[in-house]
Amino acid sequence: GLIECFADAEKASKQPASARDDGFWRMAMAESVRELAEEAEFEALFEKWLSEDPTWADGWVFYADSFDETPEKCEALLKRALEHEDLDDKGAVYMCLANHYRMQGNESLAQE
């Protein structure tokens, strides 16, 4: 199915997600999987990609934003991203975390 097709496409490149031009393609593909009610596969894709390339800030942000209805999971993913010192765009992750806190009504944490 879709996951197998995507796995074959993944094998074509050995570069980390942050170094490739297909980051948005990956996110679109994962979102398609999610729309097909394949939540477990959606999470598995991002867990795989982020374990292979934990510096991919856009991946962390997109993954975390997917859990708007589960604020604890969103926050945990963003904090997990910030554990990586060599994150390619820490500012994007901090901005997403601040927005998350604002959406939760926690302006004091958003300001930190």
Protein backbone atom coordinates (compact mmCIF):
# COMPACT_ATOMS: atom_id res chain seq x y z
CA GLY A 1 0.00 0.00 0.00
CA LEU A 2 0.90 3.59 0.52
CA ILE A 3 3.40 2.89 3.30
CA GLU A 4 5.32 0.36 1.20
CA CYS A 5 5.40 2.71 -1.77
CA PHE A 6 6.70 5.46 0.44
CA ALA A 7 9.34 3.20 1.98
CA ASP A 8 10.66 2.44 -1.51
CA ALA A 9 10.91 6.16 -2.26
CA GLU A 10 12.76 6.67 1.03
CA LYS A 11 15.42 4.15 0.06
CA ALA A 12 16.32 6.27 -2.96
CA SER A 13 18.11 8.82 -0.78
CA LYS A 14 20.46 8.24 2.12
CA GLN A 15 20.60 11.91 3.17
CA PRO A 16 18.89 13.06 6.37
CA ALA A 17 15.54 14.79 5.93
CA SER A 18 16.95 18.19 6.89
CA ALA A 19 19.51 17.99 4.07
CA ARG A 20 17.02 17.05 1.38
CA ASP A 21 14.49 19.01 -0.63
CA ASP A 22 11.73 16.50 0.07
CA GLY A 23 10.89 17.55 3.64
CA PHE A 24 7.56 19.00 2.58
CA TRP A 25 6.89 15.95 0.44
CA ARG A 26 7.50 13.76 3.47
CA MET A 27 5.10 15.81 5.57
CA ALA A 28 2.45 15.71 2.86
CA MET A 29 2.84 11.97 2.51
CA ALA A 30 2.58 11.46 6.26
CA GLU A 31 -0.50 13.66 6.39
CA SER A 32 -2.06 11.56 3.63
CA VAL A 33 -1.41 8.46 5.70
CA ARG A 34 -3.04 10.15 8.67
CA GLU A 35 -6.08 11.18 6.61
CA LEU A 36 -6.53 7.54 5.70
CA ALA A 37 -7.07 6.90 9.42
CA GLU A 38 -3.66 5.31 9.75
CA GLU A 39 -2.65 7.15 12.94
CA ALA A 40 -0.19 4.48 14.05
CA GLU A 41 1.60 4.53 10.68
CA PHE A 42 1.67 8.34 10.73
CA GLU A 43 3.38 8.30 14.10
CA ALA A 44 5.71 5.49 13.05
CA LEU A 45 6.87 7.49 10.01
CA PHE A 46 7.75 10.53 12.09
CA GLU A 47 9.35 8.51 14.86
CA LYS A 48 11.52 6.77 12.25
CA TRP A 49 12.48 9.99 10.47
CA LEU A 50 13.22 11.87 13.67
CA SER A 51 15.27 9.04 15.10
CA GLU A 52 17.31 9.03 11.87
CA ASP A 53 17.59 12.82 11.79
CA PRO A 54 16.81 14.40 15.16
CA THR A 55 18.02 17.79 13.88
CA TRP A 56 15.07 18.18 11.47
CA ALA A 57 13.22 21.06 13.17
CA ASP A 58 10.46 21.31 10.54
CA GLY A 59 9.72 17.64 11.06
CA TRP A 60 9.41 18.09 14.82
CA VAL A 61 7.17 21.13 14.41
CA PHE A 62 4.88 19.46 11.88
CA TYR A 63 4.67 16.30 13.98
CA ALA A 64 3.90 18.24 17.18
CA ASP A 65 1.33 20.46 15.43
CA SER A 66 -0.51 17.33 14.43
CA PHE A 67 -1.49 16.86 18.06
CA ASP A 68 -3.40 20.09 18.67
CA GLU A 69 -6.14 18.06 20.31
CA THR A 70 -3.62 16.36 22.60
CA PRO A 71 -1.75 19.32 24.13
CA GLU A 72 0.40 17.16 26.40
CA LYS A 73 1.74 15.17 23.45
CA CYS A 74 2.36 18.32 21.41
CA GLU A 75 4.33 19.88 24.25
CA ALA A 76 6.29 16.68 24.92
CA LEU A 77 7.34 16.40 21.27
CA LEU A 78 8.53 20.01 21.14
CA LYS A 79 10.50 19.60 24.35
CA ARG A 80 11.98 16.38 22.97
CA ALA A 81 13.08 18.31 19.88
CA LEU A 82 14.83 20.92 22.02
CA GLU A 83 16.92 18.21 23.66
CA HIS A 84 18.95 18.07 20.43
CA GLU A 85 21.70 20.67 20.58
CA ASP A 86 22.30 20.59 16.82
CA LEU A 87 18.67 21.17 15.84
CA ASP A 88 18.73 22.93 12.46
CA ASP A 89 16.21 25.64 13.44
CA LYS A 90 15.69 25.94 17.19
CA GLY A 91 13.87 29.23 16.68
CA ALA A 92 11.05 27.49 14.79
CA VAL A 93 10.62 24.97 17.61
CA TYR A 94 10.67 27.67 20.30
CA MET A 95 8.11 29.69 18.34
CA CYS A 96 5.85 26.66 18.01
CA LEU A 97 6.19 25.93 21.73
CA ALA A 98 5.34 29.55 22.60
CA ASN A 99 2.28 29.40 20.34
CA HIS A 100 1.29 26.13 21.97
CA TYR A 101 1.46 27.73 25.43
CA ARG A 102 -0.59 30.71 24.22
CA MET A 103 -3.25 28.37 22.83
CA GLN A 104 -3.34 26.71 26.25
CA GLY A 105 -3.83 30.10 27.90
CA ASN A 106 -0.41 30.06 29.54
CA GLU A 107 1.03 33.42 28.51
CA SER A 108 3.74 33.32 31.22
CA LEU A 109 5.30 30.17 29.73
CA ALA A 110 4.90 31.58 26.22
CA GLN A 111 7.05 34.56 27.23
CA GLU A 112 9.94 32.44 28.52
